Protein backbone atom coordinates (compact mmCIF):
# COMPACT_ATOMS: atom_id res chain seq x y z
CA MET A 1 5.07 -35.43 -34.95
CA ALA A 2 6.53 -33.50 -37.87
CA LYS A 3 7.46 -30.09 -37.78
CA ARG A 4 5.38 -27.31 -38.46
CA ASP A 5 7.00 -24.53 -40.81
CA TYR A 6 8.65 -21.96 -38.90
CA TYR A 7 6.81 -18.87 -40.44
CA GLU A 8 3.52 -21.04 -40.10
CA VAL A 9 4.32 -21.15 -36.12
CA LEU A 10 4.43 -17.56 -36.11
CA GLY A 11 1.86 -16.74 -38.59
CA VAL A 12 4.27 -14.17 -40.75
CA ASP A 13 5.22 -14.46 -44.62
CA LYS A 14 8.23 -15.29 -46.06
CA SER A 15 8.25 -11.43 -47.10
CA ALA A 16 7.94 -10.34 -43.03
CA SER A 17 10.47 -7.68 -41.68
CA GLN A 18 13.00 -8.79 -38.66
CA ASP A 19 10.60 -5.92 -36.41
CA GLU A 20 7.45 -8.26 -37.94
CA ILE A 21 8.64 -11.83 -36.92
CA LYS A 22 9.85 -10.04 -33.12
CA LYS A 23 6.17 -8.90 -32.60
CA ALA A 24 4.88 -12.28 -33.77
CA TYR A 25 6.95 -14.33 -31.23
CA ARG A 26 6.66 -11.90 -28.62
CA LYS A 27 3.04 -12.29 -28.51
CA LEU A 28 3.22 -15.81 -29.05
CA ALA A 29 5.73 -16.37 -25.44
CA VAL A 30 3.74 -13.74 -23.82
CA LYS A 31 0.59 -16.29 -24.47
CA TYR A 32 2.50 -19.69 -23.80
CA HIS A 33 5.07 -18.73 -21.49
CA PRO A 34 5.35 -21.62 -18.72
CA ASP A 35 4.91 -19.33 -15.86
CA LYS A 36 1.25 -18.34 -17.11
CA ASN A 37 0.57 -22.18 -18.39
CA GLN A 38 2.43 -24.47 -15.54
CA ASP A 39 0.94 -28.02 -15.79
CA ASN A 40 -0.23 -27.71 -19.39
CA SER A 41 2.31 -29.66 -21.63
CA GLU A 42 0.49 -28.35 -24.68
CA ALA A 43 1.48 -25.04 -24.19
CA GLU A 44 5.15 -26.12 -23.36
CA VAL A 45 4.80 -27.63 -26.48
CA LYS A 46 3.72 -24.40 -28.46
CA PHE A 47 6.03 -22.37 -26.39
CA LYS A 48 9.25 -24.49 -27.70
CA GLU A 49 7.85 -24.44 -31.12
CA ALA A 50 7.71 -20.71 -31.15
CA THR A 51 11.10 -19.97 -29.65
CA GLU A 52 12.45 -22.56 -31.89
CA SER A 53 11.65 -20.63 -35.07
CA TYR A 54 12.16 -17.08 -33.76
CA GLU A 55 15.75 -18.21 -32.96
CA VAL A 56 15.93 -19.12 -36.78
CA LEU A 57 14.03 -16.68 -38.34
CA SER A 58 15.92 -14.01 -36.63
CA ASP A 59 19.48 -14.99 -37.51
CA PRO A 60 19.79 -13.76 -41.01
CA SER A 61 22.53 -15.93 -42.07
CA LYS A 62 20.42 -19.37 -40.85
CA LYS A 63 17.13 -17.39 -42.13
CA GLN A 64 18.73 -17.58 -45.70
CA ALA A 65 19.63 -21.75 -45.24
CA TYR A 66 16.05 -22.28 -43.89
CA ASP A 67 14.26 -20.51 -47.18
CA GLN A 68 16.84 -22.64 -49.36
CA TYR A 69 16.72 -26.10 -48.38
CA GLY A 70 14.18 -25.76 -45.09
CA PHE A 71 14.85 -27.76 -42.46
CA ALA A 72 17.97 -29.56 -43.70
CA GLY A 73 19.38 -25.89 -44.49
CA VAL A 74 19.77 -25.12 -40.20
CA GLU A 75 20.56 -28.41 -39.03
CA GLY A 76 24.63 -28.55 -37.91
CA MET A 77 24.49 -25.05 -37.56
CA GLY A 78 24.10 -25.06 -33.73
CA GLY A 79 20.83 -26.10 -34.04
CA PRO A 80 17.86 -24.51 -32.15
CA SER A 81 18.97 -24.68 -28.47
CA PHE A 82 17.60 -22.29 -24.89
CA ASN A 83 20.23 -20.50 -23.72
CA ALA A 84 21.05 -17.23 -22.27
CA SER A 85 23.64 -15.89 -24.98
CA ALA A 86 21.22 -17.13 -28.14
CA PHE A 87 18.55 -14.54 -26.40
CA SER A 88 20.93 -11.50 -25.83
CA GLY A 89 19.13 -8.52 -26.60
CA PHE A 90 15.50 -9.85 -25.56
CA GLU A 91 14.92 -6.58 -23.18
CA ASP A 92 14.92 -4.92 -26.80
CA LEU A 93 12.55 -7.49 -27.91
CA PHE A 94 9.92 -7.71 -25.03
CA GLY A 95 10.68 -4.50 -22.87
CA GLY A 96 11.28 -3.65 -19.18
CA ASP A 97 7.67 -5.27 -18.39
CA PHE A 98 8.30 -8.40 -19.61
CA SER A 99 11.94 -9.04 -18.91
CA SER A 100 11.18 -10.59 -15.37
CA ILE A 101 10.07 -13.80 -17.58
CA PHE A 102 13.58 -13.70 -19.31
CA ASP A 103 15.58 -13.59 -15.51
CA SER A 104 13.88 -16.43 -14.41
CA PHE A 105 14.99 -18.61 -17.59
CA PHE A 106 18.27 -17.48 -16.49
CA GLY A 107 19.18 -16.90 -13.01
CA GLY A 108 18.53 -12.96 -12.49
CA GLY A 109 20.67 -11.81 -16.23
CA GLY A 110 23.80 -12.12 -14.80
CA GLY A 111 22.99 -10.81 -11.36
CA ARG A 112 20.61 -8.36 -12.28
CA ARG A 113 18.09 -9.60 -10.25
CA GLY A 114 17.17 -12.85 -8.51
CA GLY A 115 19.26 -14.90 -6.03
CA ARG A 116 19.52 -13.94 -2.47
CA ARG A 117 17.54 -11.22 -0.67
CA GLY A 118 19.69 -8.11 0.04
CA PRO A 119 18.03 -5.08 2.52
CA ALA A 120 14.56 -4.18 1.94
CA ARG A 121 13.06 -0.97 3.09
CA GLY A 122 9.98 -1.47 5.76
CA SER A 123 6.39 -0.60 4.29
CA ASP A 124 5.14 3.10 4.56
CA LEU A 125 2.09 3.49 7.07
CA ARG A 126 -0.74 5.45 7.36
CA TYR A 127 -2.67 7.51 10.47
CA ASP A 128 -5.89 9.41 9.27
CA MET A 129 -6.27 11.93 12.70
CA GLU A 130 -9.13 14.17 12.85
CA ILE A 131 -8.84 17.76 14.00
CA ASP A 132 -11.02 20.57 14.78
CA PHE A 133 -11.13 23.42 12.00
CA HIS A 134 -9.55 26.21 14.92
CA SER A 135 -6.60 23.38 15.09
CA ALA A 136 -6.18 23.58 11.55
CA VAL A 137 -6.08 26.88 10.67
CA PHE A 138 -4.14 28.11 13.75
CA GLY A 139 -1.81 24.69 13.92
CA THR A 140 -1.61 21.69 17.30
CA GLU A 141 0.25 19.81 18.14
CA ARG A 142 -1.25 15.79 18.83
CA GLU A 143 -0.25 12.81 20.48
CA ILE A 144 -1.29 9.78 18.48
CA GLU A 145 -0.90 5.92 19.60
CA PHE A 146 -0.19 3.55 16.30
CA ALA A 147 1.31 0.02 15.80
CA HIS A 148 4.42 -1.13 13.61
CA HIS A 149 7.08 -3.72 12.95
CA ALA A 150 9.66 -2.86 15.22
CA HIS A 151 13.28 -4.32 15.39
CA CYS A 152 12.49 -7.41 17.94
CA LYS A 153 14.35 -6.48 21.21
CA THR A 154 14.96 -9.62 22.47
CA CYS A 155 17.54 -10.63 19.39
CA GLY A 156 18.14 -7.56 18.09
CA GLY A 157 16.50 -7.79 14.88
CA SER A 158 18.44 -10.79 13.71
CA GLY A 159 16.05 -13.24 13.94
CA ALA A 160 18.42 -16.03 16.03
CA LYS A 161 18.43 -16.90 19.71
CA ASP A 162 21.16 -15.74 21.86
CA GLY A 163 23.24 -14.71 18.88
CA SER A 164 23.53 -18.13 17.51
CA GLY A 165 23.76 -16.26 14.20
CA LYS A 166 22.72 -18.03 10.63
CA LYS A 167 24.14 -20.83 8.29
CA THR A 168 24.31 -21.20 4.62
CA CYS A 169 20.76 -22.75 3.37
CA GLY A 170 21.54 -26.34 2.74
CA THR A 171 19.39 -26.38 -0.33
CA CYS A 172 20.17 -23.59 -2.28
CA GLY A 173 23.66 -23.41 -1.48
CA GLY A 174 23.15 -19.47 -0.49
CA ALA A 175 22.01 -18.66 -3.97
CA GLY A 176 18.56 -17.94 -2.43
CA GLN A 177 17.41 -19.68 -5.68
CA VAL A 178 16.48 -23.32 -6.80
CA ARG A 179 16.05 -24.16 -10.35
CA ARG A 180 12.90 -26.00 -11.83
CA SER A 181 13.70 -28.06 -14.92
CA SER A 182 10.52 -28.79 -17.49
CA GLY A 183 11.12 -29.98 -20.73
CA PHE A 184 14.02 -28.19 -22.78
CA PHE A 185 13.93 -25.25 -20.25
CA SER A 186 14.57 -24.64 -16.17
CA ILE A 187 13.09 -21.51 -14.37
CA ALA A 188 14.63 -19.98 -11.19
CA GLN A 189 12.52 -19.84 -8.53
CA PRO A 190 13.09 -18.43 -4.29
CA CYS A 191 14.23 -21.62 -2.30
CA PRO A 192 11.50 -22.88 -0.80
CA THR A 193 13.79 -23.20 2.38
CA CYS A 194 15.20 -20.66 3.15
CA SER A 195 12.56 -18.10 1.40
CA GLY A 196 15.29 -16.77 -1.09
CA GLU A 197 17.63 -15.55 2.04
CA GLY A 198 20.39 -17.78 1.19
CA THR A 199 20.67 -19.01 5.06
CA ILE A 200 18.55 -20.27 8.08
CA ILE A 201 18.41 -19.64 11.69
CA GLU A 202 18.94 -22.61 13.65
CA ASN A 203 17.52 -21.60 16.38
CA PRO A 204 14.68 -19.55 16.22
CA CYS A 205 13.88 -16.34 18.49
CA PRO A 206 11.21 -17.09 20.22
CA SER A 207 10.11 -13.90 21.01
CA CYS A 208 9.84 -13.03 16.99
CA ARG A 209 10.17 -16.82 15.80
CA GLY A 210 13.06 -16.41 13.36
CA LYS A 211 11.44 -12.95 11.62
CA GLY A 212 14.04 -10.40 13.25
CA LEU A 213 10.71 -8.14 13.64
CA ALA A 214 8.27 -7.94 16.27
CA ARG A 215 4.52 -6.06 16.37
CA GLU A 216 5.04 -2.98 18.97
CA THR A 217 2.74 -0.04 19.74
CA VAL A 218 4.15 3.23 20.32
CA LYS A 219 3.04 7.00 21.02
CA ILE A 220 4.46 10.15 18.90
CA LYS A 221 4.05 14.20 18.57
CA VAL A 222 2.92 15.33 15.55
CA LYS A 223 2.85 18.73 15.12
CA VAL A 224 0.07 20.24 12.66
CA PRO A 225 1.36 22.65 10.81
CA GLU A 226 -1.17 26.21 10.77
CA GLY A 227 -2.90 26.39 7.67
CA ILE A 228 -2.98 22.45 6.69
CA ALA A 229 -5.83 21.82 4.32
CA PRO A 230 -7.95 19.00 4.27
CA GLY A 231 -6.76 15.59 2.74
CA LYS A 232 -3.03 16.89 3.20
CA LYS A 233 -0.60 14.41 4.71
CA ILE A 234 1.98 14.69 7.22
CA ARG A 235 5.39 13.16 6.55
CA LEU A 236 6.87 11.31 9.82
CA GLY A 237 10.14 9.62 8.13
CA GLY A 238 10.97 6.25 9.54
CA GLN A 239 8.32 5.98 11.76
CA GLY A 240 7.23 3.10 9.50
CA ASP A 241 7.87 -0.96 9.59
CA ALA A 242 11.51 -1.67 10.19
CA GLY A 243 13.15 -2.54 7.02
CA ALA A 244 14.29 -6.15 6.96
CA GLN A 245 17.87 -7.58 6.63
CA GLY A 246 19.53 -4.17 7.97
CA GLY A 247 17.23 -2.50 5.59
CA PRO A 248 15.82 1.42 6.19
CA ALA A 249 12.68 1.56 8.16
CA GLY A 250 9.59 2.69 6.14
CA ASP A 251 7.37 6.41 6.86
CA LEU A 252 4.38 7.34 8.51
CA TYR A 253 2.07 9.07 6.98
CA VAL A 254 -0.35 11.28 8.79
CA TYR A 255 -3.44 12.24 6.95
CA ILE A 256 -5.76 15.55 7.95
CA HIS A 257 -9.39 15.38 8.17
CA ILE A 258 -10.93 18.57 9.36
CA ARG A 259 -14.35 18.94 11.44
CA GLU A 260 -16.67 21.76 10.17
CA HIS A 261 -17.11 25.02 11.83
CA GLU A 262 -20.49 26.27 13.19
CA HIS A 263 -20.11 29.49 11.61
CA PHE A 264 -17.10 29.87 9.39
CA GLU A 265 -16.53 27.95 6.20
CA ARG A 266 -12.97 28.37 4.62
CA SER A 267 -12.27 28.64 0.52
CA GLY A 268 -7.96 28.33 0.34
CA ASN A 269 -6.71 30.94 2.49
CA ASP A 270 -9.93 32.89 2.97
CA LEU A 271 -12.51 32.75 5.97
CA TYR A 272 -16.45 33.19 5.03
CA CYS A 273 -18.78 33.89 7.26
CA VAL A 274 -22.52 34.99 7.41
CA ILE A 275 -23.98 38.11 9.64
CA PRO A 276 -28.01 38.43 10.17
CA VAL A 277 -28.93 41.94 9.56
CA SER A 278 -32.23 44.18 9.58
CA ILE A 279 -33.08 45.81 6.19
CA THR A 280 -33.35 48.79 8.41
CA GLN A 281 -29.51 48.18 9.27
CA LEU A 282 -29.10 47.80 5.10
CA ALA A 283 -30.94 50.87 4.32
CA LEU A 284 -30.64 53.51 6.73
CA GLY A 285 -26.74 52.25 7.17
CA SER A 286 -24.96 50.97 10.84
CA GLU A 287 -22.41 50.06 12.38
CA ILE A 288 -21.98 46.22 13.42
CA VAL A 289 -19.29 44.31 15.47
CA VAL A 290 -17.92 40.52 14.57
CA LYS A 291 -15.51 38.09 15.98
CA THR A 292 -12.84 36.70 14.16
CA LEU A 293 -12.37 33.31 14.19
CA ASP A 294 -9.46 33.83 17.21
CA ASN A 295 -11.99 35.97 18.83
CA LYS A 296 -11.05 39.51 18.06
CA LYS A 297 -14.01 41.98 18.10
CA ILE A 298 -13.75 44.34 14.40
CA LYS A 299 -16.34 46.83 14.15
CA LEU A 300 -17.48 46.77 10.34
CA LYS A 301 -19.46 49.91 8.57
CA ILE A 302 -22.51 49.46 6.65
CA ALA A 303 -23.15 52.07 4.00
CA ALA A 304 -27.08 53.19 3.99
CA GLY A 305 -28.44 51.82 0.92
CA THR A 306 -26.55 48.62 1.10
CA ASP A 307 -27.78 45.19 -0.88
CA ASN A 308 -28.79 41.65 0.81
CA GLY A 309 -25.73 39.47 0.72
CA LYS A 310 -23.14 42.03 -0.07
CA LEU A 311 -19.82 40.65 1.35
CA LEU A 312 -17.32 42.83 3.65
CA ARG A 313 -13.86 41.87 3.17
CA ILE A 314 -11.44 42.24 6.58
CA LYS A 315 -7.61 41.53 5.34
CA ASN A 316 -5.30 39.69 6.79
CA GLU A 317 -7.99 37.97 8.96
CA GLY A 318 -8.17 34.66 7.04
CA VAL A 319 -6.45 31.24 7.01
CA PRO A 320 -2.61 31.48 7.45
CA PHE A 321 -0.34 30.42 4.79
CA ILE A 322 2.04 27.40 5.13
CA HIS A 323 5.80 29.06 5.54
CA GLY A 324 3.96 32.56 4.84
CA ASN A 325 6.13 33.92 7.27
CA GLY A 326 2.43 35.94 8.81
CA ARG A 327 1.17 36.08 5.90
CA ARG A 328 -2.83 35.45 5.80
CA GLY A 329 -5.54 35.38 3.61
CA ASP A 330 -8.85 37.65 4.23
CA MET A 331 -12.25 37.36 6.37
CA TYR A 332 -15.45 37.97 4.00
CA VAL A 333 -18.84 38.74 5.73
CA LYS A 334 -21.30 38.49 4.18
CA LEU A 335 -24.80 40.71 5.03
CA GLN A 336 -28.38 38.67 5.19
CA VAL A 337 -31.17 40.29 6.16
CA GLN A 338 -32.99 38.48 8.67
CA ILE A 339 -36.74 38.55 8.29
CA PRO A 340 -39.13 38.45 11.21
CA LYS A 341 -41.51 35.62 11.52
CA LYS A 342 -44.04 37.74 13.13
CA LEU A 343 -45.59 41.35 13.22
CA GLY A 344 -47.55 43.31 15.23
CA LEU A 345 -50.74 45.60 13.38
CA LYS A 346 -48.84 48.20 13.87
CA GLU A 347 -45.88 46.71 12.22
CA LYS A 348 -47.83 45.54 9.41
CA GLU A 349 -49.15 49.11 8.55
CA ILE A 350 -45.61 50.51 8.97
CA LEU A 351 -44.71 47.96 6.03
CA LYS A 352 -47.91 48.48 4.31
CA GLN A 353 -47.79 52.25 4.24
CA PHE A 354 -43.69 51.53 2.47
CA ALA A 355 -44.74 49.74 -0.12
CA GLU A 356 -47.90 51.90 -1.32
CA LYS A 357 -45.24 55.24 -0.71
CA HIS A 358 -42.86 53.14 -3.19
CA GLY A 359 -45.28 52.13 -5.55
CA GLU A 360 -45.64 48.04 -4.78
CA ASP A 361 -48.85 46.56 -4.80
């Protein structure tokens, strides 16, 4: 099949800038990359065609020769070839998100990526804990039970039976990668024999089957600080899954859920409650006794003529601030008139007289 014009392949004209040529090639390379089009011969041809066009048009000397003499002008100039040196600077062309494509061609870009796997950090875990309102305000300590992956106690995490150890993988020679050739290019992939480790275990541990990790249920105590808010999490370092190949363990995050209280509500570090009072207590004034969340009894004076719904403030009886050195929010008491459900004849008559005296119809 006859070659197509390089400008036609990339979809640009001869006056296109280098930036426009780069953008056009990037679009085609992403679209027809073999990782996205496996076993698609048409995409392979188009990817090769676009790559050849870009190599010529991105080189000023080759572009000039091509513009003047066509395909004959670039013959004998090294020719379009797919090698790492010809594509130096592709991270600038494709950016960090696309650089992994070229790592697969060039075996990790000189060892920056790919190759045999090294130590890997263990996974973080989540635990959801529900506590009561009082415990969230004043703190508590709870014991929790959860399962995580820990180093196998039988083999000490090596994965090998009786300390037999590991040997170099015969398939990849310890590289952790094998190359798959497809037409004019080759792609590096994790070795299927050793799964990218570079080594294999001849005699796997019977307990963990060579993984070096085993599921384990543990119990630990969690200290919940006073004043913790709903939805907050407590980080317990190193209590997650154990790391592979000697890597560090992940963390455990305990998410806090708080049950509602029968009488109190929380807003930030302030507490709110509603106290029922009679209309005479608000009209004539009175003294009431309220209990705080920690059962202190506090006397409050209600001034004569106080409006229904009035908030009375009690300083420093709210929720403690985390790391607040004893500092707490405030407690607010809302006075709410309690309307009698049943009235006797005498009470009704008194209320009618009261209404008439104040001009009520």
